[in-house]
Full PDB file with SEQRES, HELIX, SHEET, SSBOND, CRYST1, ORIGX, SCALE, CONECT and MASTER records, all heavy atoms in Angstrom:
SEQRES   1 A   30  LEU ILE ASP GLY SER GLN ALA ALA PRO HIS LEU VAL VAL          
SEQRES   2 A   30  ASP VAL GLN ALA VAL GLY CYS ASP PHE TYR VAL PHE THR          
SEQRES   3 A   30  GLY HIS LYS VAL                                              
HELIX    1 AA1 VAL A   15  VAL A   18  1                                   4    
HELIX    2 AA2 GLY A   27  LYS A   29  5                                   3    
SHEET    1 AA1 2 ILE A   2  ASP A   3  0                                        
SHEET    2 AA1 2 TYR A  23  VAL A  24  1                                        
CRYST1    1.000    1.000    1.000  90.00  90.00  90.00 P 1           1          
ORIGX1      1.000000  0.000000  0.000000        0.00000                         
ORIGX2      0.000000  1.000000  0.000000        0.00000                         
ORIGX3      0.000000  0.000000  1.000000        0.00000                         
SCALE1      1.000000  0.000000  0.000000        0.00000                         
SCALE2      0.000000  1.000000  0.000000        0.00000                         
SCALE3      0.000000  0.000000  1.000000        0.00000                         
ATOM      1  N   LEU A   1    -140.950 -64.533 279.650  1.00  0.00           N  
ATOM      2  CA  LEU A   1    -141.831 -64.599 278.486  1.00  0.00           C  
ATOM      3  C   LEU A   1    -141.417 -63.516 277.517  1.00  0.00           C  
ATOM      4  O   LEU A   1    -141.260 -62.355 277.908  1.00  0.00           O  
ATOM      5  CB  LEU A   1    -143.290 -64.411 278.889  1.00  0.00           C  
ATOM      6  CG  LEU A   1    -144.302 -64.429 277.721  1.00  0.00           C  
ATOM      7  CD1 LEU A   1    -145.607 -65.113 278.124  1.00  0.00           C  
ATOM      8  CD2 LEU A   1    -144.605 -63.005 277.200  1.00  0.00           C  
ATOM      9  N   ILE A   2    -141.249 -63.890 276.248  1.00  0.00           N  
ATOM     10  CA  ILE A   2    -140.871 -62.928 275.207  1.00  0.00           C  
ATOM     11  C   ILE A   2    -142.021 -62.769 274.225  1.00  0.00           C  
ATOM     12  O   ILE A   2    -142.537 -63.747 273.676  1.00  0.00           O  
ATOM     13  CB  ILE A   2    -139.608 -63.381 274.458  1.00  0.00           C  
ATOM     14  CG1 ILE A   2    -138.426 -63.494 275.419  1.00  0.00           C  
ATOM     15  CG2 ILE A   2    -139.279 -62.404 273.329  1.00  0.00           C  
ATOM     16  CD1 ILE A   2    -137.158 -64.015 274.767  1.00  0.00           C  
ATOM     17  N   ASP A   3    -142.414 -61.508 274.008  1.00  0.00           N  
ATOM     18  CA  ASP A   3    -143.373 -61.174 272.956  1.00  0.00           C  
ATOM     19  C   ASP A   3    -142.591 -61.038 271.655  1.00  0.00           C  
ATOM     20  O   ASP A   3    -141.895 -60.058 271.420  1.00  0.00           O  
ATOM     21  CB  ASP A   3    -144.084 -59.865 273.299  1.00  0.00           C  
ATOM     22  CG  ASP A   3    -145.024 -59.391 272.190  1.00  0.00           C  
ATOM     23  OD1 ASP A   3    -145.083 -60.040 271.126  1.00  0.00           O  
ATOM     24  OD2 ASP A   3    -145.696 -58.358 272.390  1.00  0.00           O  
ATOM     25  N   GLY A   4    -142.709 -62.067 270.816  1.00  0.00           N  
ATOM     26  CA  GLY A   4    -141.952 -62.102 269.566  1.00  0.00           C  
ATOM     27  C   GLY A   4    -142.740 -61.686 268.345  1.00  0.00           C  
ATOM     28  O   GLY A   4    -142.342 -62.003 267.222  1.00  0.00           O  
ATOM     29  N   SER A   5    -143.826 -60.938 268.548  1.00  0.00           N  
ATOM     30  CA  SER A   5    -144.697 -60.582 267.420  1.00  0.00           C  
ATOM     31  C   SER A   5    -143.946 -59.878 266.294  1.00  0.00           C  
ATOM     32  O   SER A   5    -144.187 -60.149 265.111  1.00  0.00           O  
ATOM     33  CB  SER A   5    -145.838 -59.684 267.907  1.00  0.00           C  
ATOM     34  OG  SER A   5    -146.666 -60.354 268.804  1.00  0.00           O  
ATOM     35  N   GLN A   6    -143.053 -58.965 266.654  1.00  0.00           N  
ATOM     36  CA  GLN A   6    -142.313 -58.228 265.630  1.00  0.00           C  
ATOM     37  C   GLN A   6    -141.003 -58.904 265.252  1.00  0.00           C  
ATOM     38  O   GLN A   6    -140.421 -58.582 264.209  1.00  0.00           O  
ATOM     39  CB  GLN A   6    -142.026 -56.802 266.125  1.00  0.00           C  
ATOM     40  CG  GLN A   6    -143.256 -55.985 266.440  1.00  0.00           C  
ATOM     41  CD  GLN A   6    -144.135 -55.744 265.230  1.00  0.00           C  
ATOM     42  OE1 GLN A   6    -143.681 -55.743 264.088  1.00  0.00           O  
ATOM     43  NE2 GLN A   6    -145.428 -55.546 265.473  1.00  0.00           N  
ATOM     44  N   ALA A   7    -140.550 -59.850 266.056  1.00  0.00           N  
ATOM     45  CA  ALA A   7    -139.270 -60.499 265.767  1.00  0.00           C  
ATOM     46  C   ALA A   7    -139.413 -61.671 264.803  1.00  0.00           C  
ATOM     47  O   ALA A   7    -138.552 -61.885 263.947  1.00  0.00           O  
ATOM     48  CB  ALA A   7    -138.620 -60.970 267.060  1.00  0.00           C  
ATOM     49  N   ALA A   8    -140.476 -62.442 264.964  1.00  0.00           N  
ATOM     50  CA  ALA A   8    -140.644 -63.628 264.112  1.00  0.00           C  
ATOM     51  C   ALA A   8    -140.607 -63.291 262.625  1.00  0.00           C  
ATOM     52  O   ALA A   8    -140.075 -64.083 261.835  1.00  0.00           O  
ATOM     53  CB  ALA A   8    -141.940 -64.354 264.486  1.00  0.00           C  
ATOM     54  N   PRO A   9    -141.140 -62.129 262.184  1.00  0.00           N  
ATOM     55  CA  PRO A   9    -141.043 -61.802 260.761  1.00  0.00           C  
ATOM     56  C   PRO A   9    -139.686 -61.251 260.334  1.00  0.00           C  
ATOM     57  O   PRO A   9    -139.401 -61.187 259.140  1.00  0.00           O  
ATOM     58  CB  PRO A   9    -142.112 -60.722 260.562  1.00  0.00           C  
ATOM     59  CG  PRO A   9    -142.876 -60.649 261.832  1.00  0.00           C  
ATOM     60  CD  PRO A   9    -141.988 -61.177 262.899  1.00  0.00           C  
ATOM     61  N   HIS A  10    -138.859 -60.809 261.285  1.00  0.00           N  
ATOM     62  CA  HIS A  10    -137.666 -60.042 260.928  1.00  0.00           C  
ATOM     63  C   HIS A  10    -136.338 -60.689 261.314  1.00  0.00           C  
ATOM     64  O   HIS A  10    -135.300 -60.322 260.764  1.00  0.00           O  
ATOM     65  CB  HIS A  10    -137.724 -58.661 261.580  1.00  0.00           C  
ATOM     66  CG  HIS A  10    -138.875 -57.810 261.146  1.00  0.00           C  
ATOM     67  ND1 HIS A  10    -139.076 -57.437 259.833  1.00  0.00           N  
ATOM     68  CD2 HIS A  10    -139.902 -57.281 261.854  1.00  0.00           C  
ATOM     69  CE1 HIS A  10    -140.169 -56.695 259.748  1.00  0.00           C  
ATOM     70  NE2 HIS A  10    -140.684 -56.589 260.962  1.00  0.00           N  
ATOM     71  N   LEU A  11    -136.345 -61.606 262.268  1.00  0.00           N  
ATOM     72  CA  LEU A  11    -135.098 -62.176 262.782  1.00  0.00           C  
ATOM     73  C   LEU A  11    -135.120 -63.695 262.704  1.00  0.00           C  
ATOM     74  O   LEU A  11    -136.178 -64.306 262.604  1.00  0.00           O  
ATOM     75  CB  LEU A  11    -134.882 -61.764 264.242  1.00  0.00           C  
ATOM     76  CG  LEU A  11    -134.806 -60.270 264.565  1.00  0.00           C  
ATOM     77  CD1 LEU A  11    -134.664 -60.085 266.071  1.00  0.00           C  
ATOM     78  CD2 LEU A  11    -133.650 -59.605 263.828  1.00  0.00           C  
ATOM     79  N   VAL A  12    -133.945 -64.284 262.785  1.00  0.00           N  
ATOM     80  CA  VAL A  12    -133.847 -65.728 262.976  1.00  0.00           C  
ATOM     81  C   VAL A  12    -134.053 -65.979 264.466  1.00  0.00           C  
ATOM     82  O   VAL A  12    -133.252 -65.550 265.294  1.00  0.00           O  
ATOM     83  CB  VAL A  12    -132.474 -66.264 262.522  1.00  0.00           C  
ATOM     84  CG1 VAL A  12    -132.376 -67.754 262.810  1.00  0.00           C  
ATOM     85  CG2 VAL A  12    -132.271 -65.988 261.034  1.00  0.00           C  
ATOM     86  N   VAL A  13    -135.147 -66.635 264.818  1.00  0.00           N  
ATOM     87  CA  VAL A  13    -135.510 -66.864 266.213  1.00  0.00           C  
ATOM     88  C   VAL A  13    -135.158 -68.298 266.603  1.00  0.00           C  
ATOM     89  O   VAL A  13    -135.559 -69.250 265.930  1.00  0.00           O  
ATOM     90  CB  VAL A  13    -137.012 -66.610 266.448  1.00  0.00           C  
ATOM     91  CG1 VAL A  13    -137.398 -66.954 267.881  1.00  0.00           C  
ATOM     92  CG2 VAL A  13    -137.366 -65.161 266.128  1.00  0.00           C  
ATOM     93  N   ASP A  14    -134.435 -68.439 267.692  1.00  0.00           N  
ATOM     94  CA  ASP A  14    -134.044 -69.755 268.203  1.00  0.00           C  
ATOM     95  C   ASP A  14    -134.318 -69.759 269.706  1.00  0.00           C  
ATOM     96  O   ASP A  14    -133.530 -69.241 270.486  1.00  0.00           O  
ATOM     97  CB  ASP A  14    -132.561 -70.008 267.921  1.00  0.00           C  
ATOM     98  CG  ASP A  14    -132.095 -71.404 268.331  1.00  0.00           C  
ATOM     99  OD1 ASP A  14    -132.732 -72.008 269.216  1.00  0.00           O  
ATOM    100  OD2 ASP A  14    -131.086 -71.884 267.781  1.00  0.00           O  
ATOM    101  N   VAL A  15    -135.444 -70.341 270.097  1.00  0.00           N  
ATOM    102  CA  VAL A  15    -135.830 -70.277 271.510  1.00  0.00           C  
ATOM    103  C   VAL A  15    -134.855 -71.030 272.398  1.00  0.00           C  
ATOM    104  O   VAL A  15    -134.681 -70.678 273.577  1.00  0.00           O  
ATOM    105  CB  VAL A  15    -137.266 -70.797 271.720  1.00  0.00           C  
ATOM    106  CG1 VAL A  15    -138.265 -69.883 271.026  1.00  0.00           C  
ATOM    107  CG2 VAL A  15    -137.433 -72.243 271.250  1.00  0.00           C  
ATOM    108  N   GLN A  16    -134.205 -72.046 271.858  1.00  0.00           N  
ATOM    109  CA  GLN A  16    -133.237 -72.780 272.668  1.00  0.00           C  
ATOM    110  C   GLN A  16    -131.992 -71.946 272.936  1.00  0.00           C  
ATOM    111  O   GLN A  16    -131.454 -71.935 274.052  1.00  0.00           O  
ATOM    112  CB  GLN A  16    -132.860 -74.090 271.975  1.00  0.00           C  
ATOM    113  CG  GLN A  16    -134.035 -75.045 271.828  1.00  0.00           C  
ATOM    114  CD  GLN A  16    -133.603 -76.409 271.325  1.00  0.00           C  
ATOM    115  OE1 GLN A  16    -132.909 -77.149 272.015  1.00  0.00           O  
ATOM    116  NE2 GLN A  16    -134.024 -76.755 270.107  1.00  0.00           N  
ATOM    117  N   ALA A  17    -131.532 -71.228 271.917  1.00  0.00           N  
ATOM    118  CA  ALA A  17    -130.360 -70.376 272.100  1.00  0.00           C  
ATOM    119  C   ALA A  17    -130.674 -69.166 272.970  1.00  0.00           C  
ATOM    120  O   ALA A  17    -129.832 -68.728 273.772  1.00  0.00           O  
ATOM    121  CB  ALA A  17    -129.834 -69.919 270.740  1.00  0.00           C  
ATOM    122  N   VAL A  18    -131.879 -68.620 272.833  1.00  0.00           N  
ATOM    123  CA  VAL A  18    -132.275 -67.451 273.619  1.00  0.00           C  
ATOM    124  C   VAL A  18    -132.392 -67.808 275.097  1.00  0.00           C  
ATOM    125  O   VAL A  18    -132.026 -67.024 275.971  1.00  0.00           O  
ATOM    126  CB  VAL A  18    -133.602 -66.869 273.085  1.00  0.00           C  
ATOM    127  CG1 VAL A  18    -134.179 -65.849 274.057  1.00  0.00           C  
ATOM    128  CG2 VAL A  18    -133.378 -66.221 271.720  1.00  0.00           C  
ATOM    129  N   GLY A  19    -132.938 -68.989 275.378  1.00  0.00           N  
ATOM    130  CA  GLY A  19    -133.036 -69.428 276.762  1.00  0.00           C  
ATOM    131  C   GLY A  19    -134.266 -68.946 277.495  1.00  0.00           C  
ATOM    132  O   GLY A  19    -134.283 -68.917 278.735  1.00  0.00           O  
ATOM    133  N   CYS A  20    -135.327 -68.585 276.763  1.00  0.00           N  
ATOM    134  CA  CYS A  20    -136.557 -68.125 277.405  1.00  0.00           C  
ATOM    135  C   CYS A  20    -137.402 -69.307 277.866  1.00  0.00           C  
ATOM    136  O   CYS A  20    -137.139 -70.458 277.511  1.00  0.00           O  
ATOM    137  CB  CYS A  20    -137.366 -67.248 276.449  1.00  0.00           C  
ATOM    138  SG  CYS A  20    -137.759 -68.051 274.868  1.00  0.00           S  
ATOM    139  N   ASP A  21    -138.438 -68.999 278.635  1.00  0.00           N  
ATOM    140  CA  ASP A  21    -139.369 -70.031 279.083  1.00  0.00           C  
ATOM    141  C   ASP A  21    -140.648 -70.053 278.258  1.00  0.00           C  
ATOM    142  O   ASP A  21    -141.266 -71.107 278.096  1.00  0.00           O  
ATOM    143  CB  ASP A  21    -139.708 -69.807 280.560  1.00  0.00           C  
ATOM    144  CG  ASP A  21    -138.495 -69.994 281.456  1.00  0.00           C  
ATOM    145  OD1 ASP A  21    -137.995 -71.132 281.530  1.00  0.00           O  
ATOM    146  OD2 ASP A  21    -138.037 -69.010 282.054  1.00  0.00           O  
ATOM    147  N   PHE A  22    -141.054 -68.888 277.770  1.00  0.00           N  
ATOM    148  CA  PHE A  22    -142.209 -68.779 276.878  1.00  0.00           C  
ATOM    149  C   PHE A  22    -141.850 -67.825 275.736  1.00  0.00           C  
ATOM    150  O   PHE A  22    -141.159 -66.823 275.952  1.00  0.00           O  
ATOM    151  CB  PHE A  22    -143.439 -68.215 277.604  1.00  0.00           C  
ATOM    152  CG  PHE A  22    -143.919 -69.032 278.766  1.00  0.00           C  
ATOM    153  CD1 PHE A  22    -143.614 -68.637 280.067  1.00  0.00           C  
ATOM    154  CD2 PHE A  22    -144.684 -70.171 278.581  1.00  0.00           C  
ATOM    155  CE1 PHE A  22    -144.060 -69.368 281.153  1.00  0.00           C  
ATOM    156  CE2 PHE A  22    -145.135 -70.919 279.666  1.00  0.00           C  
ATOM    157  CZ  PHE A  22    -144.823 -70.518 280.948  1.00  0.00           C  
ATOM    158  N   TYR A  23    -142.339 -68.144 274.541  1.00  0.00           N  
ATOM    159  CA  TYR A  23    -142.159 -67.254 273.391  1.00  0.00           C  
ATOM    160  C   TYR A  23    -143.480 -67.236 272.640  1.00  0.00           C  
ATOM    161  O   TYR A  23    -144.057 -68.297 272.369  1.00  0.00           O  
ATOM    162  CB  TYR A  23    -141.032 -67.748 272.472  1.00  0.00           C  
ATOM    163  CG  TYR A  23    -140.521 -66.701 271.508  1.00  0.00           C  
ATOM    164  CD1 TYR A  23    -139.420 -65.916 271.833  1.00  0.00           C  
ATOM    165  CD2 TYR A  23    -141.149 -66.477 270.286  1.00  0.00           C  
ATOM    166  CE1 TYR A  23    -138.956 -64.933 270.970  1.00  0.00           C  
ATOM    167  CE2 TYR A  23    -140.690 -65.505 269.416  1.00  0.00           C  
ATOM    168  CZ  TYR A  23    -139.588 -64.735 269.759  1.00  0.00           C  
ATOM    169  OH  TYR A  23    -139.124 -63.758 268.907  1.00  0.00           O  
ATOM    170  N   VAL A  24    -143.966 -66.040 272.307  1.00  0.00           N  
ATOM    171  CA  VAL A  24    -145.264 -65.927 271.641  1.00  0.00           C  
ATOM    172  C   VAL A  24    -145.127 -65.063 270.395  1.00  0.00           C  
ATOM    173  O   VAL A  24    -144.306 -64.140 270.339  1.00  0.00           O  
ATOM    174  CB  VAL A  24    -146.325 -65.326 272.582  1.00  0.00           C  
ATOM    175  CG1 VAL A  24    -146.505 -66.193 273.823  1.00  0.00           C  
ATOM    176  CG2 VAL A  24    -145.979 -63.899 273.000  1.00  0.00           C  
ATOM    177  N   PHE A  25    -145.926 -65.381 269.389  1.00  0.00           N  
ATOM    178  CA  PHE A  25    -146.016 -64.507 268.221  1.00  0.00           C  
ATOM    179  C   PHE A  25    -147.341 -64.713 267.520  1.00  0.00           C  
ATOM    180  O   PHE A  25    -148.080 -65.662 267.809  1.00  0.00           O  
ATOM    181  CB  PHE A  25    -144.835 -64.695 267.260  1.00  0.00           C  
ATOM    182  CG  PHE A  25    -144.773 -66.023 266.553  1.00  0.00           C  
ATOM    183  CD1 PHE A  25    -145.358 -66.203 265.306  1.00  0.00           C  
ATOM    184  CD2 PHE A  25    -144.087 -67.091 267.119  1.00  0.00           C  
ATOM    185  CE1 PHE A  25    -145.278 -67.426 264.651  1.00  0.00           C  
ATOM    186  CE2 PHE A  25    -144.000 -68.316 266.476  1.00  0.00           C  
ATOM    187  CZ  PHE A  25    -144.594 -68.484 265.229  1.00  0.00           C  
ATOM    188  N   THR A  26    -147.636 -63.828 266.605  1.00  0.00           N  
ATOM    189  CA  THR A  26    -148.940 -63.818 265.941  1.00  0.00           C  
ATOM    190  C   THR A  26    -148.786 -64.133 264.462  1.00  0.00           C  
ATOM    191  O   THR A  26    -147.803 -63.733 263.827  1.00  0.00           O  
ATOM    192  CB  THR A  26    -149.633 -62.457 266.164  1.00  0.00           C  
ATOM    193  OG1 THR A  26    -151.002 -62.559 265.822  1.00  0.00           O  
ATOM    194  CG2 THR A  26    -148.977 -61.353 265.368  1.00  0.00           C  
ATOM    195  N   GLY A  27    -149.753 -64.854 263.907  1.00  0.00           N  
ATOM    196  CA  GLY A  27    -149.625 -65.338 262.533  1.00  0.00           C  
ATOM    197  C   GLY A  27    -149.701 -64.263 261.469  1.00  0.00           C  
ATOM    198  O   GLY A  27    -149.010 -64.336 260.445  1.00  0.00           O  
ATOM    199  N   HIS A  28    -150.535 -63.258 261.688  1.00  0.00           N  
ATOM    200  CA  HIS A  28    -150.753 -62.281 260.611  1.00  0.00           C  
ATOM    201  C   HIS A  28    -149.573 -61.350 260.408  1.00  0.00           C  
ATOM    202  O   HIS A  28    -149.493 -60.670 259.386  1.00  0.00           O  
ATOM    203  CB  HIS A  28    -152.040 -61.486 260.848  1.00  0.00           C  
ATOM    204  CG  HIS A  28    -152.008 -60.551 262.006  1.00  0.00           C  
ATOM    205  ND1 HIS A  28    -151.703 -59.218 261.869  1.00  0.00           N  
ATOM    206  CD2 HIS A  28    -152.260 -60.734 263.320  1.00  0.00           C  
ATOM    207  CE1 HIS A  28    -151.766 -58.627 263.042  1.00  0.00           C  
ATOM    208  NE2 HIS A  28    -152.101 -59.525 263.945  1.00  0.00           N  
ATOM    209  N   LYS A  29    -148.628 -61.339 261.339  1.00  0.00           N  
ATOM    210  CA  LYS A  29    -147.420 -60.525 261.133  1.00  0.00           C  
ATOM    211  C   LYS A  29    -146.310 -61.323 260.459  1.00  0.00           C  
ATOM    212  O   LYS A  29    -145.331 -60.732 259.990  1.00  0.00           O  
ATOM    213  CB  LYS A  29    -146.941 -59.948 262.466  1.00  0.00           C  
ATOM    214  CG  LYS A  29    -147.941 -59.001 263.120  1.00  0.00           C  
ATOM    215  CD  LYS A  29    -147.378 -58.360 264.369  1.00  0.00           C  
ATOM    216  CE  LYS A  29    -148.439 -57.730 265.244  1.00  0.00           C  
ATOM    217  NZ  LYS A  29    -149.189 -56.644 264.601  1.00  0.00           N  
ATOM    218  N   VAL A  30    -146.450 -62.652 260.402  1.00  0.00           N  
ATOM    219  CA  VAL A  30    -145.477 -63.470 259.674  1.00  0.00           C  
ATOM    220  C   VAL A  30    -146.067 -63.907 258.337  1.00  0.00           C  
ATOM    221  O   VAL A  30    -145.829 -65.011 257.879  1.00  0.00           O  
ATOM    222  CB  VAL A  30    -144.988 -64.685 260.489  1.00  0.00           C  
ATOM    223  CG1 VAL A  30    -144.101 -64.263 261.624  1.00  0.00           C  
ATOM    224  CG2 VAL A  30    -146.146 -65.523 260.996  1.00  0.00           C  
TER     225      VAL A  30                                                      
MASTER        0    0    0    2    2    0    0    6  224    1    0    3          
END                                                                             
């Protein structure tokens, strides 16, 4: 499981390329 709260606003996130099972983020930071 990846906590992507700070990544979703700053990086190009590709859950398929990363290969994780869960990815989470919060709306107010994006």
